[in-house]
Amino acid sequence: MLVKPDFLSWTLQIMDFRKRGSSAKTQITDMNGNEPNPGDLIEIFRKGYKHWAVYVGEGYVVHFLGPEGSISSSSTINLPIGKNNVLKQKLLEVVSTDEWTINNLHDQEKQPRPPEVIVNEAHKLVGTTRSYNVVNYNCEHFATELRYGNAESEQVEEAVKVTLGVTGLSITVGVLIVAFLVWKTQRSSSN
């Protein structure tokens, strides 16, 4: 049986970790080499959207999934979603093979709540069910609400801007076509 070098390397790392004992701290860094602090927002780059979580320390995040777990990586699909959709999991399990970064996106204009408040509230919500709505209350709303005290989603805001832009352009083109047809009809009638 041929063993891939990646798997062999991973197995050796696990064995080395076990030799050192489970008390050894594994450093967790994002794609920029930064280590998260409790209360930080974690942005995970999925295919076609971003998933958000709140780092609560010791390698764990609290995050909010849709009722079917559909807004998740393959690593979280088999969780007991029917019982709850606010979960505490290892950050690296939630990230799976996707890239991620620390993104406290509103810190420039808003005062974040103290880390201990963010973490305590996040822990209180673990195992609860919240009403998920991709537009009105999604994983980003959940994470920003914990950090700043109010729910916002830049993904939704950007999608609305794009939709309004496309709709506005479509209406403008439609009006121009109708105006052209009316003008052409009037011109044909007067000849």
N, C-alpha and C. Protein backbone atom coordinates (compact mmCIF):
# COMPACT_ATOMS: atom_id res chain seq x y z
N MET A 1 0.84 -1.18 0.00
CA MET A 1 0.00 0.00 0.00
C MET A 1 0.88 1.24 0.00
N LEU A 2 0.59 2.17 -0.89
CA LEU A 2 1.35 3.41 -1.01
C LEU A 2 0.77 4.44 -0.06
N VAL A 3 1.61 5.02 0.79
CA VAL A 3 1.17 6.03 1.75
C VAL A 3 1.61 7.39 1.24
N LYS A 4 0.67 8.35 1.19
CA LYS A 4 1.00 9.70 0.74
C LYS A 4 1.94 10.36 1.75
N PRO A 5 2.91 11.15 1.27
CA PRO A 5 3.83 11.83 2.20
C PRO A 5 3.09 12.76 3.15
N ASP A 6 2.02 13.41 2.71
CA ASP A 6 1.26 14.33 3.58
C ASP A 6 0.71 13.56 4.77
N PHE A 7 0.14 12.39 4.53
CA PHE A 7 -0.45 11.59 5.59
C PHE A 7 0.64 11.12 6.55
N LEU A 8 1.77 10.70 6.00
CA LEU A 8 2.88 10.24 6.82
C LEU A 8 3.41 11.36 7.70
N SER A 9 3.57 12.55 7.11
CA SER A 9 4.03 13.71 7.87
C SER A 9 3.06 14.05 8.99
N TRP A 10 1.78 14.03 8.66
CA TRP A 10 0.73 14.34 9.65
C TRP A 10 0.76 13.32 10.78
N THR A 11 0.91 12.05 10.45
CA THR A 11 0.96 10.99 11.46
C THR A 11 2.16 11.17 12.38
N LEU A 12 3.32 11.52 11.81
CA LEU A 12 4.52 11.75 12.62
C LEU A 12 4.33 12.94 13.54
N GLN A 13 3.67 13.99 13.07
CA GLN A 13 3.41 15.15 13.92
C GLN A 13 2.51 14.77 15.10
N ILE A 14 1.49 13.96 14.84
CA ILE A 14 0.59 13.53 15.91
C ILE A 14 1.36 12.70 16.94
N MET A 15 2.20 11.80 16.45
CA MET A 15 2.97 10.96 17.36
C MET A 15 3.91 11.82 18.20
N ASP A 16 4.52 12.83 17.60
CA ASP A 16 5.41 13.72 18.32
C ASP A 16 4.63 14.50 19.38
N PHE A 17 3.43 14.97 19.03
CA PHE A 17 2.57 15.68 19.96
C PHE A 17 2.23 14.81 21.16
N ARG A 18 1.89 13.56 20.88
CA ARG A 18 1.54 12.63 21.96
C ARG A 18 2.73 12.36 22.88
N LYS A 19 3.95 12.30 22.30
CA LYS A 19 5.15 12.10 23.11
C LYS A 19 5.36 13.26 24.08
N ARG A 20 5.11 14.48 23.59
CA ARG A 20 5.32 15.66 24.42
C ARG A 20 4.23 15.81 25.47
N GLY A 21 3.12 15.11 25.28
CA GLY A 21 2.03 15.19 26.25
C GLY A 21 0.95 16.13 25.75
N SER A 22 -0.26 15.92 26.21
CA SER A 22 -1.39 16.71 25.73
C SER A 22 -1.39 18.12 26.30
N SER A 23 -0.51 18.42 27.26
CA SER A 23 -0.47 19.76 27.83
C SER A 23 0.26 20.75 26.93
N ALA A 24 0.98 20.25 25.93
CA ALA A 24 1.68 21.14 25.02
C ALA A 24 0.67 21.96 24.22
N LYS A 25 0.92 23.27 24.13
CA LYS A 25 0.00 24.17 23.43
C LYS A 25 0.34 24.21 21.94
N THR A 26 -0.65 23.96 21.11
CA THR A 26 -0.48 24.04 19.68
C THR A 26 -0.78 25.47 19.26
N GLN A 27 0.15 26.08 18.55
CA GLN A 27 -0.06 27.44 18.09
C GLN A 27 -0.99 27.42 16.89
N ILE A 28 -2.02 28.25 16.95
CA ILE A 28 -3.00 28.36 15.86
C ILE A 28 -2.83 29.73 15.25
N THR A 29 -2.53 29.77 13.95
CA THR A 29 -2.38 31.06 13.28
C THR A 29 -3.21 31.09 12.01
N ASP A 30 -3.69 32.29 11.67
CA ASP A 30 -4.49 32.47 10.46
C ASP A 30 -3.59 32.55 9.24
N MET A 31 -4.17 32.81 8.09
CA MET A 31 -3.42 32.83 6.84
C MET A 31 -2.39 33.96 6.79
N ASN A 32 -2.48 34.93 7.72
CA ASN A 32 -1.51 36.03 7.80
C ASN A 32 -0.47 35.80 8.89
N GLY A 33 -0.55 34.65 9.57
CA GLY A 33 0.39 34.32 10.63
C GLY A 33 0.01 34.89 11.99
N ASN A 34 -1.22 35.40 12.13
CA ASN A 34 -1.67 35.98 13.40
C ASN A 34 -2.39 34.95 14.25
N GLU A 35 -2.16 35.00 15.55
CA GLU A 35 -2.81 34.10 16.50
C GLU A 35 -4.03 34.80 17.09
N PRO A 36 -5.19 34.15 17.08
CA PRO A 36 -6.40 34.81 17.60
C PRO A 36 -6.39 34.96 19.12
N ASN A 37 -7.10 35.99 19.57
CA ASN A 37 -7.31 36.24 20.99
C ASN A 37 -8.79 36.01 21.29
N PRO A 38 -9.12 35.65 22.53
CA PRO A 38 -10.53 35.49 22.88
C PRO A 38 -11.33 36.75 22.53
N GLY A 39 -12.48 36.52 21.88
CA GLY A 39 -13.34 37.61 21.45
C GLY A 39 -13.13 38.04 20.02
N ASP A 40 -12.06 37.57 19.37
CA ASP A 40 -11.80 37.92 17.96
C ASP A 40 -12.83 37.27 17.05
N LEU A 41 -13.14 37.96 15.97
CA LEU A 41 -14.01 37.40 14.94
C LEU A 41 -13.14 36.64 13.95
N ILE A 42 -13.61 35.46 13.58
CA ILE A 42 -12.90 34.61 12.63
C ILE A 42 -13.71 34.56 11.34
N GLU A 43 -13.07 34.93 10.25
CA GLU A 43 -13.70 34.90 8.92
C GLU A 43 -13.12 33.71 8.16
N ILE A 44 -14.00 32.83 7.72
CA ILE A 44 -13.59 31.60 7.03
C ILE A 44 -14.08 31.69 5.59
N PHE A 45 -13.18 31.52 4.65
CA PHE A 45 -13.48 31.68 3.24
C PHE A 45 -13.95 30.37 2.62
N ARG A 46 -15.26 30.21 2.54
CA ARG A 46 -15.86 29.03 1.91
C ARG A 46 -16.03 29.32 0.42
N LYS A 47 -16.44 28.33 -0.32
CA LYS A 47 -16.72 28.52 -1.74
C LYS A 47 -18.03 29.28 -1.89
N GLY A 48 -17.96 30.53 -2.34
CA GLY A 48 -19.15 31.32 -2.62
C GLY A 48 -19.65 32.18 -1.48
N TYR A 49 -19.11 32.05 -0.29
CA TYR A 49 -19.54 32.87 0.84
C TYR A 49 -18.47 32.80 1.94
N LYS A 50 -18.69 33.58 2.98
CA LYS A 50 -17.79 33.57 4.14
C LYS A 50 -18.57 33.10 5.36
N HIS A 51 -17.95 32.22 6.14
CA HIS A 51 -18.56 31.78 7.39
C HIS A 51 -17.84 32.51 8.52
N TRP A 52 -18.59 32.89 9.54
CA TRP A 52 -18.04 33.67 10.65
C TRP A 52 -18.18 32.92 11.97
N ALA A 53 -17.20 33.11 12.85
CA ALA A 53 -17.21 32.50 14.17
C ALA A 53 -16.55 33.46 15.16
N VAL A 54 -16.71 33.18 16.44
CA VAL A 54 -16.08 33.97 17.49
C VAL A 54 -15.09 33.06 18.22
N TYR A 55 -13.85 33.51 18.30
CA TYR A 55 -12.82 32.74 19.00
C TYR A 55 -13.03 32.90 20.50
N VAL A 56 -13.10 31.77 21.22
CA VAL A 56 -13.35 31.81 22.66
C VAL A 56 -12.16 31.30 23.47
N GLY A 57 -11.05 31.03 22.80
CA GLY A 57 -9.84 30.61 23.50
C GLY A 57 -9.60 29.12 23.45
N GLU A 58 -8.37 28.73 23.77
CA GLU A 58 -7.93 27.34 23.83
C GLU A 58 -8.23 26.55 22.55
N GLY A 59 -8.18 27.23 21.43
CA GLY A 59 -8.39 26.57 20.14
C GLY A 59 -9.83 26.40 19.72
N TYR A 60 -10.78 26.99 20.44
CA TYR A 60 -12.21 26.82 20.16
C TYR A 60 -12.86 28.09 19.64
N VAL A 61 -13.92 27.88 18.84
CA VAL A 61 -14.79 28.96 18.40
C VAL A 61 -16.23 28.59 18.72
N VAL A 62 -17.07 29.63 18.80
CA VAL A 62 -18.51 29.45 18.87
C VAL A 62 -19.03 30.03 17.57
N HIS A 63 -19.91 29.27 16.90
CA HIS A 63 -20.44 29.75 15.63
C HIS A 63 -21.88 29.31 15.45
N PHE A 64 -22.51 29.92 14.46
CA PHE A 64 -23.94 29.77 14.23
C PHE A 64 -24.17 29.17 12.85
N LEU A 65 -24.86 28.04 12.81
CA LEU A 65 -25.16 27.36 11.55
C LEU A 65 -26.64 27.46 11.23
N GLY A 66 -26.94 27.32 9.95
CA GLY A 66 -28.33 27.23 9.53
C GLY A 66 -28.96 25.96 10.07
N PRO A 67 -30.28 25.85 10.00
CA PRO A 67 -30.99 24.71 10.60
C PRO A 67 -30.59 23.35 10.04
N GLU A 68 -30.11 23.30 8.82
CA GLU A 68 -29.68 22.01 8.27
C GLU A 68 -28.18 21.85 8.26
N GLY A 69 -27.47 22.82 8.78
CA GLY A 69 -26.02 22.74 8.75
C GLY A 69 -25.49 22.97 7.36
N SER A 70 -26.33 23.50 6.45
CA SER A 70 -25.93 23.66 5.06
C SER A 70 -24.88 24.75 4.90
N ILE A 71 -24.83 25.69 5.81
CA ILE A 71 -23.83 26.73 5.72
C ILE A 71 -22.63 26.30 6.54
N SER A 72 -21.94 25.31 6.05
CA SER A 72 -20.83 24.75 6.80
C SER A 72 -19.90 24.00 5.87
N SER A 73 -18.76 23.62 6.40
CA SER A 73 -17.85 22.78 5.64
C SER A 73 -18.27 21.33 5.86
N SER A 74 -17.64 20.44 5.14
CA SER A 74 -17.98 19.03 5.29
C SER A 74 -17.65 18.53 6.69
N SER A 75 -16.77 19.24 7.40
CA SER A 75 -16.40 18.79 8.74
C SER A 75 -17.50 19.02 9.76
N THR A 76 -18.50 19.86 9.45
CA THR A 76 -19.54 20.14 10.44
C THR A 76 -20.91 19.61 10.03
N ILE A 77 -21.03 18.99 8.88
CA ILE A 77 -22.33 18.54 8.40
C ILE A 77 -22.95 17.46 9.29
N ASN A 78 -22.15 16.59 9.87
CA ASN A 78 -22.69 15.48 10.65
C ASN A 78 -22.97 15.81 12.12
N LEU A 79 -23.05 17.07 12.45
CA LEU A 79 -23.33 17.46 13.84
C LEU A 79 -24.83 17.40 14.11
N PRO A 80 -25.22 17.36 15.38
CA PRO A 80 -26.64 17.28 15.72
C PRO A 80 -27.35 18.61 15.52
N ILE A 81 -27.51 19.01 14.28
CA ILE A 81 -28.06 20.32 13.95
C ILE A 81 -29.51 20.45 14.38
N GLY A 82 -30.29 19.38 14.36
CA GLY A 82 -31.69 19.46 14.73
C GLY A 82 -31.88 19.90 16.18
N LYS A 83 -30.90 19.64 17.04
CA LYS A 83 -31.01 19.99 18.45
C LYS A 83 -30.54 21.40 18.73
N ASN A 84 -29.57 21.88 17.98
CA ASN A 84 -29.05 23.22 18.19
C ASN A 84 -28.34 23.70 16.94
N ASN A 85 -28.19 24.99 16.86
CA ASN A 85 -27.41 25.50 15.75
C ASN A 85 -26.36 26.51 16.20
N VAL A 86 -26.17 26.69 17.51
CA VAL A 86 -25.05 27.45 18.05
C VAL A 86 -24.11 26.41 18.65
N LEU A 87 -22.93 26.31 18.07
CA LEU A 87 -22.00 25.24 18.42
C LEU A 87 -20.66 25.78 18.90
N LYS A 88 -20.02 25.01 19.75
CA LYS A 88 -18.63 25.27 20.14
C LYS A 88 -17.81 24.11 19.58
N GLN A 89 -16.82 24.47 18.78
CA GLN A 89 -15.98 23.45 18.14
C GLN A 89 -14.55 23.95 18.08
N LYS A 90 -13.65 23.02 17.83
CA LYS A 90 -12.26 23.39 17.58
C LYS A 90 -12.22 24.25 16.30
N LEU A 91 -11.50 25.34 16.38
CA LEU A 91 -11.36 26.25 15.24
C LEU A 91 -10.90 25.51 13.99
N LEU A 92 -9.88 24.70 14.13
CA LEU A 92 -9.32 24.03 12.95
C LEU A 92 -10.27 22.99 12.36
N GLU A 93 -11.19 22.44 13.18
CA GLU A 93 -12.21 21.54 12.65
C GLU A 93 -13.24 22.31 11.83
N VAL A 94 -13.61 23.49 12.32
CA VAL A 94 -14.59 24.32 11.60
C VAL A 94 -13.99 24.82 10.29
N VAL A 95 -12.74 25.24 10.35
CA VAL A 95 -12.05 25.76 9.17
C VAL A 95 -11.88 24.66 8.12
N SER A 96 -11.58 23.46 8.56
CA SER A 96 -11.33 22.32 7.68
C SER A 96 -10.16 22.68 6.76
N THR A 97 -10.36 22.64 5.46
CA THR A 97 -9.28 22.93 4.51
C THR A 97 -9.36 24.35 3.96
N ASP A 98 -10.31 25.14 4.44
CA ASP A 98 -10.49 26.50 3.94
C ASP A 98 -9.49 27.46 4.59
N GLU A 99 -9.27 28.59 3.94
CA GLU A 99 -8.44 29.63 4.52
C GLU A 99 -9.27 30.45 5.50
N TRP A 100 -8.60 31.05 6.47
CA TRP A 100 -9.30 31.85 7.46
C TRP A 100 -8.40 32.98 7.94
N THR A 101 -9.04 34.00 8.51
CA THR A 101 -8.30 35.13 9.06
C THR A 101 -9.05 35.72 10.24
N ILE A 102 -8.32 36.44 11.07
CA ILE A 102 -8.93 37.22 12.15
C ILE A 102 -9.41 38.50 11.49
N ASN A 103 -10.70 38.82 11.67
CA ASN A 103 -11.23 40.02 11.03
C ASN A 103 -12.22 40.71 11.97
N ASN A 104 -11.70 41.58 12.79
CA ASN A 104 -12.54 42.40 13.68
C ASN A 104 -12.96 43.64 12.89
N LEU A 105 -13.81 43.40 11.90
CA LEU A 105 -14.09 44.34 10.83
C LEU A 105 -14.62 45.70 11.22
N HIS A 106 -15.25 45.84 12.37
CA HIS A 106 -15.82 47.14 12.75
C HIS A 106 -15.06 47.83 13.88
N ASP A 107 -13.89 47.33 14.25
CA ASP A 107 -13.16 47.90 15.38
C ASP A 107 -12.78 49.37 15.16
N GLN A 108 -12.63 49.80 13.90
CA GLN A 108 -12.26 51.20 13.63
C GLN A 108 -13.38 52.17 13.98
N GLU A 109 -14.64 51.74 13.77
CA GLU A 109 -15.77 52.65 14.02
C GLU A 109 -16.62 52.28 15.23
N LYS A 110 -16.42 51.11 15.79
CA LYS A 110 -17.22 50.68 16.95
C LYS A 110 -16.31 50.15 18.04
N GLN A 111 -16.72 50.38 19.27
CA GLN A 111 -15.98 49.87 20.42
C GLN A 111 -16.38 48.41 20.66
N PRO A 112 -15.44 47.48 20.54
CA PRO A 112 -15.80 46.09 20.84
C PRO A 112 -16.07 45.93 22.34
N ARG A 113 -16.91 44.99 22.66
CA ARG A 113 -17.18 44.70 24.06
C ARG A 113 -15.95 44.02 24.66
N PRO A 114 -15.80 44.02 25.97
CA PRO A 114 -14.64 43.36 26.58
C PRO A 114 -14.61 41.87 26.22
N PRO A 115 -13.41 41.32 26.00
CA PRO A 115 -13.30 39.91 25.60
C PRO A 115 -14.02 38.95 26.54
N GLU A 116 -13.96 39.19 27.85
CA GLU A 116 -14.61 38.27 28.79
C GLU A 116 -16.13 38.29 28.63
N VAL A 117 -16.70 39.45 28.26
CA VAL A 117 -18.15 39.55 28.01
C VAL A 117 -18.50 38.77 26.74
N ILE A 118 -17.71 38.96 25.70
CA ILE A 118 -17.95 38.26 24.42
C ILE A 118 -17.91 36.75 24.64
N VAL A 119 -16.86 36.28 25.30
CA VAL A 119 -16.66 34.85 25.52
C VAL A 119 -17.76 34.28 26.42
N ASN A 120 -18.09 34.98 27.50
CA ASN A 120 -19.15 34.48 28.41
C ASN A 120 -20.49 34.38 27.69
N GLU A 121 -20.85 35.41 26.91
CA GLU A 121 -22.12 35.36 26.18
C GLU A 121 -22.11 34.25 25.13
N ALA A 122 -20.98 34.08 24.45
CA ALA A 122 -20.86 33.01 23.45
C ALA A 122 -21.08 31.65 24.11
N HIS A 123 -20.45 31.43 25.26
CA HIS A 123 -20.60 30.15 25.96
C HIS A 123 -22.05 29.92 26.40
N LYS A 124 -22.73 30.97 26.82
CA LYS A 124 -24.14 30.83 27.23
C LYS A 124 -25.04 30.39 26.08
N LEU A 125 -24.66 30.76 24.85
CA LEU A 125 -25.49 30.45 23.69
C LEU A 125 -25.24 29.06 23.11
N VAL A 126 -24.11 28.44 23.47
CA VAL A 126 -23.78 27.11 22.94
C VAL A 126 -24.89 26.13 23.29
N GLY A 127 -25.33 25.39 22.27
CA GLY A 127 -26.38 24.39 22.47
C GLY A 127 -27.78 24.93 22.32
N THR A 128 -27.91 26.21 22.03
CA THR A 128 -29.23 26.80 21.85
C THR A 128 -29.59 26.84 20.37
N THR A 129 -30.85 27.06 20.12
CA THR A 129 -31.34 27.21 18.75
C THR A 129 -31.75 28.65 18.55
N ARG A 130 -31.31 29.23 17.46
CA ARG A 130 -31.70 30.58 17.09
C ARG A 130 -32.31 30.52 15.70
N SER A 131 -33.14 31.47 15.39
CA SER A 131 -33.78 31.52 14.08
C SER A 131 -32.78 32.02 13.05
N TYR A 132 -32.48 31.18 12.07
CA TYR A 132 -31.51 31.52 11.03
C TYR A 132 -32.22 32.07 9.80
N ASN A 133 -31.71 33.17 9.28
CA ASN A 133 -32.21 33.74 8.04
C ASN A 133 -31.00 34.33 7.32
N VAL A 134 -30.73 33.89 6.13
CA VAL A 134 -29.52 34.29 5.42
C VAL A 134 -29.44 35.81 5.24
N VAL A 135 -30.57 36.50 5.16
CA VAL A 135 -30.58 37.95 4.97
C VAL A 135 -30.63 38.70 6.30
N ASN A 136 -31.51 38.27 7.20
CA ASN A 136 -31.76 39.03 8.43
C ASN A 136 -30.92 38.60 9.63
N TYR A 137 -30.52 37.33 9.70
CA TYR A 137 -29.72 36.88 10.84
C TYR A 137 -28.96 35.61 10.46
N ASN A 138 -27.70 35.81 10.05
CA ASN A 138 -26.86 34.69 9.65
C ASN A 138 -25.64 34.60 10.58
N CYS A 139 -24.65 33.82 10.21
CA CYS A 139 -23.47 33.61 11.05
C CYS A 139 -22.69 34.90 11.29
N GLU A 140 -22.66 35.79 10.30
CA GLU A 140 -21.95 37.06 10.47
C GLU A 140 -22.72 37.98 11.44
N HIS A 141 -24.05 38.02 11.31
CA HIS A 141 -24.86 38.79 12.27
C HIS A 141 -24.57 38.29 13.69
N PHE A 142 -24.57 36.97 13.86
CA PHE A 142 -24.34 36.35 15.16
C PHE A 142 -22.99 36.79 15.74
N ALA A 143 -21.94 36.69 14.94
CA ALA A 143 -20.59 37.01 15.40
C ALA A 143 -20.45 38.50 15.73
N THR A 144 -20.96 39.37 14.86
CA THR A 144 -20.84 40.81 15.13
C THR A 144 -21.68 41.23 16.32
N GLU A 145 -22.81 40.56 16.52
CA GLU A 145 -23.63 40.87 17.69
C GLU A 145 -22.88 40.54 18.98
N LEU A 146 -22.17 39.42 18.99
CA LEU A 146 -21.40 39.06 20.18
C LEU A 146 -20.26 40.06 20.42
N ARG A 147 -19.57 40.47 19.38
CA ARG A 147 -18.41 41.36 19.56
C ARG A 147 -18.81 42.81 19.82
N TYR A 148 -19.81 43.31 19.10
CA TYR A 148 -20.12 44.75 19.17
C TYR A 148 -21.45 45.08 19.85
N GLY A 149 -22.28 44.08 20.08
CA GLY A 149 -23.55 44.33 20.73
C GLY A 149 -24.70 44.57 19.77
N ASN A 150 -24.40 44.64 18.47
CA ASN A 150 -25.48 44.72 17.48
C ASN A 150 -25.10 43.91 16.24
N ALA A 151 -26.13 43.31 15.63
CA ALA A 151 -25.93 42.37 14.53
C ALA A 151 -25.84 43.10 13.19
N GLU A 152 -24.77 42.83 12.46
CA GLU A 152 -24.59 43.38 11.11
C GLU A 152 -23.96 42.32 10.22
N SER A 153 -24.22 42.45 8.91
CA SER A 153 -23.60 41.54 7.96
C SER A 153 -23.20 42.31 6.71
N GLU A 154 -21.89 42.48 6.54
CA GLU A 154 -21.39 43.15 5.34
C GLU A 154 -21.68 42.32 4.10
N GLN A 155 -21.68 40.98 4.22
CA GLN A 155 -22.00 40.13 3.07
C GLN A 155 -23.38 40.46 2.53
N VAL A 156 -24.34 40.61 3.44
CA VAL A 156 -25.71 40.91 3.03
C VAL A 156 -25.78 42.32 2.45
N GLU A 157 -25.13 43.28 3.12
CA GLU A 157 -25.13 44.65 2.63
C GLU A 157 -24.56 44.74 1.22
N GLU A 158 -23.45 44.04 0.98
CA GLU A 158 -22.83 44.03 -0.36
C GLU A 158 -23.75 43.36 -1.39
N ALA A 159 -24.39 42.26 -1.00
CA ALA A 159 -25.31 41.57 -1.91
C ALA A 159 -26.48 42.47 -2.27
N VAL A 160 -27.00 43.22 -1.29
CA VAL A 160 -28.12 44.13 -1.55
C VAL A 160 -27.68 45.23 -2.50
N LYS A 161 -26.47 45.78 -2.29
CA LYS A 161 -25.96 46.84 -3.19
C LYS A 161 -25.84 46.32 -4.62
N VAL A 162 -25.29 45.11 -4.76
CA VAL A 162 -25.15 44.53 -6.10
C VAL A 162 -26.51 44.30 -6.73
N THR A 163 -27.44 43.74 -5.95
CA THR A 163 -28.79 43.48 -6.46
C THR A 163 -29.48 44.77 -6.88
N LEU A 164 -29.38 45.80 -6.03
CA LEU A 164 -30.00 47.09 -6.37
C LEU A 164 -29.33 47.70 -7.59
N GLY A 165 -28.02 47.55 -7.69
CA GLY A 165 -27.30 48.07 -8.85
C GLY A 165 -27.74 47.38 -10.13
N VAL A 166 -27.85 46.07 -10.09
CA VAL A 166 -28.29 45.31 -11.27
C VAL A 166 -29.74 45.65 -11.60
N THR A 167 -30.58 45.75 -10.56
CA THR A 167 -31.99 46.09 -10.77
C THR A 167 -32.10 47.49 -11.36
N GLY A 168 -31.35 48.44 -10.80
CA GLY A 168 -31.37 49.82 -11.30
C GLY A 168 -30.90 49.89 -12.75
N LEU A 169 -29.85 49.16 -13.08
CA LEU A 169 -29.35 49.12 -14.45
C LEU A 169 -30.38 48.50 -15.37
N SER A 170 -31.02 47.43 -14.93
CA SER A 170 -32.05 46.76 -15.74
C SER A 170 -33.21 47.70 -16.01
N ILE A 171 -33.64 48.44 -14.99
CA ILE A 171 -34.75 49.39 -15.16
C ILE A 171 -34.34 50.49 -16.12
N THR A 172 -33.13 51.01 -15.97
CA THR A 172 -32.64 52.07 -16.85
C THR A 172 -32.60 51.61 -18.29
N VAL A 173 -32.06 50.42 -18.52
CA VAL A 173 -31.99 49.87 -19.89
C VAL A 173 -33.40 49.67 -20.43
N GLY A 174 -34.30 49.16 -19.59
CA GLY A 174 -35.70 48.95 -20.01
C GLY A 174 -36.37 50.26 -20.40
N VAL A 175 -36.17 51.29 -19.59
CA VAL A 175 -36.75 52.61 -19.90
C VAL A 175 -36.18 53.15 -21.20
N LEU A 176 -34.89 53.00 -21.40
CA LEU A 176 -34.26 53.48 -22.65
C LEU A 176 -34.81 52.73 -23.86
N ILE A 177 -35.01 51.43 -23.73
CA ILE A 177 -35.56 50.64 -24.85
C ILE A 177 -36.98 51.09 -25.15
N VAL A 178 -37.80 51.24 -24.11
CA VAL A 178 -39.18 51.69 -24.31
C VAL A 178 -39.19 53.08 -24.93
N ALA A 179 -38.34 53.98 -24.44
CA ALA A 179 -38.27 55.35 -24.99
C ALA A 179 -37.87 55.30 -26.46
N PHE A 180 -36.90 54.45 -26.77
CA PHE A 180 -36.47 54.33 -28.16
C PHE A 180 -37.60 53.80 -29.04
N LEU A 181 -38.32 52.79 -28.55
CA LEU A 181 -39.43 52.21 -29.33
C LEU A 181 -40.55 53.24 -29.52
N VAL A 182 -40.86 54.01 -28.49
CA VAL A 182 -41.89 55.06 -28.60
C VAL A 182 -41.43 56.11 -29.60
N TRP A 183 -40.19 56.55 -29.49
CA TRP A 183 -39.65 57.55 -30.42
C TRP A 183 -39.69 57.03 -31.85
N LYS A 184 -39.29 55.76 -32.05
CA LYS A 184 -39.27 55.18 -33.39
C LYS A 184 -40.69 55.05 -33.95
N THR A 185 -41.63 54.64 -33.09
CA THR A 185 -43.04 54.52 -33.50
C THR A 185 -43.59 55.88 -33.88
N GLN A 186 -43.33 56.91 -33.09
CA GLN A 186 -43.78 58.28 -33.39
C GLN A 186 -43.16 58.79 -34.67
N ARG A 187 -41.91 58.49 -34.85
CA ARG A 187 -41.19 58.95 -36.06
C ARG A 187 -41.78 58.26 -37.29
N SER A 188 -42.08 56.96 -37.17
CA SER A 188 -42.67 56.21 -38.29
C SER A 188 -44.07 56.73 -38.61
N SER A 189 -44.83 57.10 -37.56
CA SER A 189 -46.18 57.60 -37.77
C SER A 189 -46.20 58.95 -38.45
N SER A 190 -45.19 59.78 -38.16
CA SER A 190 -45.18 61.11 -38.74
C SER A 190 -44.66 61.11 -40.18
N ASN A 191 -44.07 60.05 -40.63
CA ASN A 191 -43.58 59.97 -42.02
C ASN A 191 -44.62 59.48 -42.90
